[in-house]
Amino acid sequence: MLAAVIFLEIQWQAQAWLGLFGLLAFPLCLTAWILLLVMRLLKKGRNWLLVWFGLLSLSCLTSWAALHGYDWWVNTNELDGLNSVQAFVSSQIFTCLLLGLPLWRNQTQSREVQIANLKQLALAAELKALQAQVEPHFLYNTLANSRYLARHDPNKAVQMLDHLIAYLQSALPDLRQPMSTVGREFELAENYLALMAIRFGDRLRFQLNYVPALRDIALPPMMLMSLVENAVQHGVERQPGQVDILLQAEEKNGCLHVIVSDNGAGLEQNVIGHGVGLRNLRERLQALYAGDARFELRMTPEKRTVAELIVPLISSTT
């Protein structure tokens, strides 16, 4: 484009326009190239105050150099051009405006990315704190139940300890991993529900249903468990009589749908979807997937509470 403009102005013998074009284009291009080079080199340790200072300093230096070239061009061709102050100010304003706006947008985007990363780290810290609080409580209850069963029903006590060991084998690796899989999370939920089934007896029945092809699909750790724990807490504990819990995972339109449903007591209408745990779950989805994932909580006409995770279908090996 620069070459085309220069060629046309030479052909039209527009020396005054050619000089003005050089006065504006030279500082703009040279300042932009130097800024881009410096910002690429300092991508990880970028200081935006120094970047803005560099823009102003470079625009002054390049405008000063362009001013001398412009004065020489005007005097050589005996043209009526801008005086030195007009030429310098015009070149300075043109360069700062055309580079300042995209630089400001770049700084805003960089700040948004940094905030998103900090939010993701904060949510990960909240998850680990939640696990640190929940796991001891869960272990104490399970061990207390095992001690009671050891005295009154040794066979069930052995079953409970077997499920507890399997649960811990599934849960402990996820504590240090940013991402789990459908297979691991369903295995974890299955062992948890097996423990709860021993505790509640005939009042709790559960079923897991997902195709083996989805086993290695990535799924954030403890998200499924949060939904399962909600189903037990709000569905089974508050409902006298038998409660069925169904866990499903399926592929629809290129997305993974993970569904936990129960026919228990459900949630009160004034708190559906606004609990601390569910708010944390939504924040984690936003931090991990931006707008590509969502969570839905609804009641069906058959009075079943349905909690559904919808996330991108991504293999854990990619």
Protein backbone atom coordinates (compact mmCIF):
# COMPACT_ATOMS: atom_id res chain seq x y z
CA MET A 1 0.00 0.00 0.00
CA LEU A 2 2.85 2.35 0.80
CA ALA A 3 4.51 1.56 -2.49
CA ALA A 4 1.23 2.06 -4.40
CA VAL A 5 0.57 5.45 -2.81
CA ILE A 6 4.12 6.63 -3.48
CA PHE A 7 3.92 5.44 -7.09
CA LEU A 8 0.63 7.27 -7.74
CA GLU A 9 1.84 10.49 -6.16
CA ILE A 10 4.99 10.39 -8.30
CA GLN A 11 2.92 9.73 -11.42
CA TRP A 12 0.62 12.64 -10.60
CA GLN A 13 3.63 14.81 -9.65
CA ALA A 14 1.98 15.59 -6.32
CA GLN A 15 5.18 16.42 -4.44
CA ALA A 16 3.36 18.25 -1.64
CA TRP A 17 1.10 15.29 -0.96
CA LEU A 18 4.05 12.91 -1.18
CA GLY A 19 5.93 14.90 1.44
CA LEU A 20 2.90 15.01 3.75
CA PHE A 21 2.33 11.29 3.31
CA GLY A 22 5.93 10.57 4.28
CA LEU A 23 5.64 12.87 7.28
CA LEU A 24 2.69 10.83 8.59
CA ALA A 25 3.55 7.30 7.40
CA PHE A 26 7.21 7.13 8.44
CA PRO A 27 6.71 7.70 12.21
CA LEU A 28 3.61 5.49 12.23
CA CYS A 29 5.26 2.49 10.58
CA LEU A 30 8.59 2.72 12.40
CA THR A 31 6.97 3.19 15.82
CA ALA A 32 4.55 0.29 15.19
CA TRP A 33 7.32 -2.08 14.12
CA ILE A 34 9.51 -1.28 17.13
CA LEU A 35 6.57 -1.56 19.55
CA LEU A 36 5.49 -4.91 18.13
CA LEU A 37 9.02 -6.27 18.39
CA VAL A 38 9.42 -5.13 22.01
CA MET A 39 5.98 -6.44 23.02
CA ARG A 40 6.69 -9.84 21.51
CA LEU A 41 10.00 -10.06 23.35
CA LEU A 42 8.39 -8.99 26.65
CA LYS A 43 5.16 -10.98 26.26
CA LYS A 44 5.36 -12.66 29.68
CA GLY A 45 6.77 -9.75 31.68
CA ARG A 46 4.94 -6.92 29.95
CA ASN A 47 4.67 -3.62 31.83
CA TRP A 48 1.91 -1.53 30.27
CA LEU A 49 3.19 1.71 31.79
CA LEU A 50 6.51 1.19 30.02
CA VAL A 51 4.68 0.28 26.79
CA TRP A 52 2.74 3.56 26.83
CA PHE A 53 5.89 5.48 27.70
CA GLY A 54 7.62 3.72 24.80
CA LEU A 55 4.81 4.75 22.42
CA LEU A 56 5.11 8.41 23.38
CA SER A 57 8.92 8.36 23.27
CA LEU A 58 9.12 6.56 19.93
CA SER A 59 6.47 8.78 18.35
CA CYS A 60 8.45 11.87 19.42
CA LEU A 61 11.74 10.51 18.05
CA THR A 62 10.29 9.27 14.77
CA SER A 63 8.25 12.47 14.27
CA TRP A 64 11.40 14.51 14.87
CA ALA A 65 13.26 12.44 12.26
CA ALA A 66 10.34 12.69 9.83
CA LEU A 67 10.22 16.48 10.35
CA HIS A 68 13.78 16.85 9.11
CA GLY A 69 13.01 14.74 6.06
CA TYR A 70 9.83 16.73 5.40
CA ASP A 71 11.66 20.09 5.67
CA TRP A 72 14.34 18.83 3.28
CA TRP A 73 11.67 17.65 0.80
CA VAL A 74 9.74 20.94 0.94
CA ASN A 75 12.87 23.06 0.52
CA THR A 76 14.29 20.89 -2.28
CA ASN A 77 11.06 21.04 -4.33
CA GLU A 78 10.31 24.67 -3.34
CA LEU A 79 6.85 23.76 -1.96
CA ASP A 80 4.49 25.62 0.36
CA GLY A 81 4.29 23.13 3.19
CA LEU A 82 3.57 23.08 6.90
CA ASN A 83 5.88 24.90 9.28
CA SER A 84 7.97 22.90 11.72
CA VAL A 85 5.52 23.07 14.64
CA GLN A 86 2.52 22.12 12.49
CA ALA A 87 4.39 19.25 10.88
CA PHE A 88 5.68 17.85 14.19
CA VAL A 89 2.31 18.09 15.99
CA SER A 90 0.43 16.56 13.03
CA SER A 91 2.84 13.64 12.84
CA GLN A 92 2.73 13.11 16.62
CA ILE A 93 -1.08 13.16 16.89
CA PHE A 94 -1.52 10.89 13.84
CA THR A 95 0.89 8.27 15.21
CA CYS A 96 -0.50 8.30 18.77
CA LEU A 97 -4.11 8.04 17.62
CA LEU A 98 -3.60 5.21 15.14
CA LEU A 99 -1.43 3.19 17.53
CA GLY A 100 -3.00 4.23 20.83
CA LEU A 101 -6.46 2.82 20.10
CA PRO A 102 -5.35 -0.75 19.19
CA LEU A 103 -2.83 -0.66 22.04
CA TRP A 104 -5.61 0.25 24.48
CA ARG A 105 -7.76 -2.61 23.14
CA ASN A 106 -4.82 -5.00 23.53
CA GLN A 107 -4.30 -3.88 27.11
CA THR A 108 -8.02 -4.33 27.89
CA GLN A 109 -8.05 -7.85 26.42
CA SER A 110 -4.88 -8.74 28.30
CA ARG A 111 -6.44 -7.56 31.56
CA GLU A 112 -9.60 -9.60 30.88
CA VAL A 113 -7.51 -12.72 30.23
CA GLN A 114 -5.54 -12.11 33.43
CA ILE A 115 -8.76 -11.68 35.44
CA ALA A 116 -10.17 -14.89 33.93
CA ASN A 117 -6.98 -16.79 34.84
CA LEU A 118 -7.07 -15.44 38.39
CA LYS A 119 -10.73 -16.38 38.69
CA GLN A 120 -9.95 -19.90 37.50
CA LEU A 121 -7.14 -20.21 40.05
CA ALA A 122 -9.45 -18.91 42.78
CA LEU A 123 -12.13 -21.43 41.84
CA ALA A 124 -9.55 -24.23 41.86
CA ALA A 125 -8.48 -23.12 45.35
CA GLU A 126 -12.14 -23.06 46.45
CA LEU A 127 -12.59 -26.59 45.09
CA LYS A 128 -9.60 -27.89 47.04
CA ALA A 129 -10.84 -26.12 50.18
CA LEU A 130 -14.27 -27.65 49.65
CA GLN A 131 -12.72 -31.09 49.23
CA ALA A 132 -10.66 -30.57 52.37
CA GLN A 133 -13.86 -29.79 54.29
CA VAL A 134 -16.12 -32.45 52.76
CA GLU A 135 -13.75 -35.43 52.72
CA PRO A 136 -13.11 -35.64 56.51
CA HIS A 137 -16.84 -35.29 57.24
CA PHE A 138 -17.64 -38.01 54.72
CA LEU A 139 -14.90 -40.27 56.07
CA TYR A 140 -15.99 -39.85 59.69
CA ASN A 141 -19.59 -40.76 58.85
CA THR A 142 -18.55 -43.75 56.76
CA LEU A 143 -16.15 -45.08 59.39
CA ALA A 144 -18.74 -44.58 62.12
CA ASN A 145 -21.28 -46.54 60.07
CA SER A 146 -18.65 -49.24 59.42
CA ARG A 147 -18.01 -49.58 63.14
CA TYR A 148 -21.72 -49.95 63.81
CA LEU A 149 -22.12 -52.53 61.03
CA ALA A 150 -19.06 -54.45 62.21
CA ARG A 151 -20.93 -55.19 65.41
CA HIS A 152 -24.35 -55.91 63.92
CA ASP A 153 -23.79 -56.92 60.26
CA PRO A 154 -20.12 -57.79 59.50
CA ASN A 155 -20.80 -58.61 55.84
CA LYS A 156 -22.22 -55.14 55.17
CA ALA A 157 -19.33 -53.60 57.08
CA VAL A 158 -16.89 -55.34 54.72
CA GLN A 159 -18.91 -54.10 51.71
CA MET A 160 -18.85 -50.55 53.03
CA LEU A 161 -15.09 -50.62 53.58
CA ASP A 162 -14.55 -52.09 50.09
CA HIS A 163 -16.59 -49.26 48.53
CA LEU A 164 -14.76 -46.71 50.67
CA ILE A 165 -11.38 -47.98 49.46
CA ALA A 166 -12.60 -47.91 45.85
CA TYR A 167 -13.96 -44.38 46.36
CA LEU A 168 -10.64 -43.12 47.73
CA GLN A 169 -8.71 -44.80 44.91
CA SER A 170 -10.85 -42.89 42.42
CA ALA A 171 -10.97 -39.58 44.30
CA LEU A 172 -7.37 -39.07 45.45
CA PRO A 173 -5.76 -38.83 41.95
CA ASP A 174 -8.28 -36.11 40.97
CA LEU A 175 -7.20 -33.87 43.84
CA ARG A 176 -4.03 -32.99 41.94
CA GLN A 177 -5.45 -32.98 38.41
CA PRO A 178 -7.13 -29.98 36.73
CA MET A 179 -9.29 -32.30 34.60
CA SER A 180 -10.79 -35.76 35.09
CA THR A 181 -12.72 -38.09 32.75
CA VAL A 182 -16.28 -39.34 32.46
CA GLY A 183 -15.15 -42.86 33.42
CA ARG A 184 -13.35 -41.77 36.59
CA GLU A 185 -16.14 -39.45 37.72
CA PHE A 186 -18.82 -42.09 37.15
CA GLU A 187 -16.72 -44.65 39.01
CA LEU A 188 -16.35 -42.21 41.88
CA ALA A 189 -20.09 -41.51 41.91
CA GLU A 190 -20.88 -45.23 41.77
CA ASN A 191 -18.78 -46.00 44.83
CA TYR A 192 -20.25 -43.03 46.69
CA LEU A 193 -23.82 -44.11 45.90
CA ALA A 194 -22.98 -47.69 46.89
CA LEU A 195 -21.89 -46.39 50.28
CA MET A 196 -25.07 -44.32 50.57
CA ALA A 197 -27.16 -47.34 49.57
CA ILE A 198 -25.71 -49.31 52.48
CA ARG A 199 -26.51 -46.38 54.77
CA PHE A 200 -30.09 -45.81 53.54
CA GLY A 201 -30.88 -49.44 52.75
CA ASP A 202 -33.92 -50.04 50.55
CA ARG A 203 -34.73 -46.33 50.51
CA LEU A 204 -32.07 -45.66 47.85
CA ARG A 205 -31.71 -47.27 44.44
CA PHE A 206 -29.37 -45.97 41.76
CA GLN A 207 -28.43 -46.69 38.16
CA LEU A 208 -25.55 -45.52 35.92
CA ASN A 209 -25.90 -45.37 32.18
CA TYR A 210 -23.26 -44.21 29.68
CA VAL A 211 -21.68 -45.70 26.57
CA PRO A 212 -18.04 -46.90 26.87
CA ALA A 213 -17.02 -44.55 24.02
CA LEU A 214 -17.50 -41.60 26.39
CA ARG A 215 -15.25 -43.03 29.11
CA ASP A 216 -12.17 -40.97 28.15
CA ILE A 217 -14.03 -37.71 27.51
CA ALA A 218 -12.75 -34.87 29.69
CA LEU A 219 -14.92 -33.79 32.61
CA PRO A 220 -13.96 -31.36 35.41
CA PRO A 221 -13.34 -33.20 38.69
CA MET A 222 -16.00 -33.26 41.42
CA MET A 223 -18.70 -31.60 39.26
CA LEU A 224 -20.66 -34.82 38.89
CA MET A 225 -20.13 -35.57 42.57
CA SER A 226 -21.61 -32.19 43.51
CA LEU A 227 -24.79 -33.07 41.61
CA VAL A 228 -24.91 -36.57 43.12
CA GLU A 229 -24.45 -35.23 46.64
CA ASN A 230 -27.25 -32.72 46.01
CA ALA A 231 -29.51 -35.54 44.84
CA VAL A 232 -28.80 -37.53 48.02
CA GLN A 233 -29.09 -34.53 50.34
CA HIS A 234 -32.20 -32.92 48.84
CA GLY A 235 -33.82 -36.00 47.35
CA VAL A 236 -33.17 -39.00 49.60
CA GLU A 237 -32.68 -37.49 53.06
CA ARG A 238 -35.86 -35.40 52.84
CA GLN A 239 -38.05 -38.06 51.21
CA PRO A 240 -39.58 -40.87 53.27
CA GLY A 241 -39.80 -43.97 51.10
CA GLN A 242 -37.81 -45.22 48.14
CA VAL A 243 -35.90 -42.82 45.88
CA ASP A 244 -34.36 -43.66 42.50
CA ILE A 245 -31.24 -41.79 41.31
CA LEU A 246 -30.23 -42.07 37.65
CA LEU A 247 -26.85 -40.97 36.24
CA GLN A 248 -26.51 -40.61 32.46
CA ALA A 249 -23.89 -39.40 29.99
CA GLU A 250 -24.60 -39.01 26.30
CA GLU A 251 -23.46 -37.14 23.22
CA LYS A 252 -25.77 -34.60 21.57
CA ASN A 253 -24.83 -32.18 18.80
CA GLY A 254 -21.12 -32.44 19.53
CA CYS A 255 -21.54 -31.81 23.29
CA LEU A 256 -21.34 -34.02 26.36
CA HIS A 257 -24.56 -34.11 28.39
CA VAL A 258 -24.19 -35.42 31.95
CA ILE A 259 -27.53 -35.84 33.74
CA VAL A 260 -28.36 -36.63 37.36
CA SER A 261 -32.06 -37.12 38.07
CA ASP A 262 -34.07 -38.34 41.06
CA ASN A 263 -37.69 -38.73 42.11
CA GLY A 264 -37.07 -37.60 45.67
CA ALA A 265 -38.23 -34.55 47.58
CA GLY A 266 -36.60 -32.16 45.12
CA LEU A 267 -35.60 -28.58 45.92
CA GLU A 268 -37.75 -25.76 47.19
CA GLN A 269 -38.83 -23.46 44.37
CA ASN A 270 -37.31 -20.41 46.02
CA VAL A 271 -33.80 -21.87 46.13
CA ILE A 272 -33.59 -23.86 42.90
CA GLY A 273 -30.33 -23.04 41.15
CA HIS A 274 -29.15 -20.47 43.73
CA GLY A 275 -27.28 -22.59 46.28
CA VAL A 276 -23.62 -21.94 47.06
CA GLY A 277 -22.51 -25.24 45.58
CA LEU A 278 -24.43 -24.71 42.34
CA ARG A 279 -23.20 -21.12 42.06
CA ASN A 280 -19.65 -22.39 42.45
CA LEU A 281 -20.34 -25.00 39.76
CA ARG A 282 -21.58 -22.34 37.32
CA GLU A 283 -18.54 -20.16 38.02
CA ARG A 284 -16.21 -23.10 37.36
CA LEU A 285 -17.96 -23.81 34.06
CA GLN A 286 -17.58 -20.17 33.04
CA ALA A 287 -13.90 -20.12 34.00
CA LEU A 288 -13.10 -23.41 32.25
CA TYR A 289 -15.22 -23.13 29.10
CA ALA A 290 -16.27 -19.45 28.86
CA GLY A 291 -19.64 -19.50 27.10
CA ASP A 292 -19.29 -23.01 25.65
CA ALA A 293 -20.75 -24.85 28.66
CA ARG A 294 -23.85 -24.49 30.81
CA PHE A 295 -25.74 -26.03 33.71
CA GLU A 296 -29.49 -26.60 33.85
CA LEU A 297 -31.66 -27.52 36.82
CA ARG A 298 -35.34 -28.29 36.27
CA MET A 299 -38.35 -30.28 37.40
CA THR A 300 -40.07 -32.64 34.94
CA PRO A 301 -43.83 -33.21 34.71
CA GLU A 302 -43.16 -36.61 36.35
CA LYS A 303 -41.85 -34.76 39.45
CA ARG A 304 -38.22 -35.73 38.84
CA THR A 305 -35.47 -33.26 39.67
CA VAL A 306 -33.04 -33.11 36.73
CA ALA A 307 -29.56 -31.56 36.95
CA GLU A 308 -27.76 -31.43 33.60
CA LEU A 309 -24.19 -30.47 32.69
CA ILE A 310 -23.54 -29.57 29.05
CA VAL A 311 -19.84 -29.21 28.15
CA PRO A 312 -17.78 -29.46 24.94
CA LEU A 313 -16.93 -32.98 23.84
CA ILE A 314 -13.16 -33.08 24.36
CA SER A 315 -11.04 -36.19 24.71
CA SER A 316 -8.75 -36.27 27.76
CA THR A 317 -5.86 -37.26 25.50
CA THR A 318 -6.02 -34.04 23.43
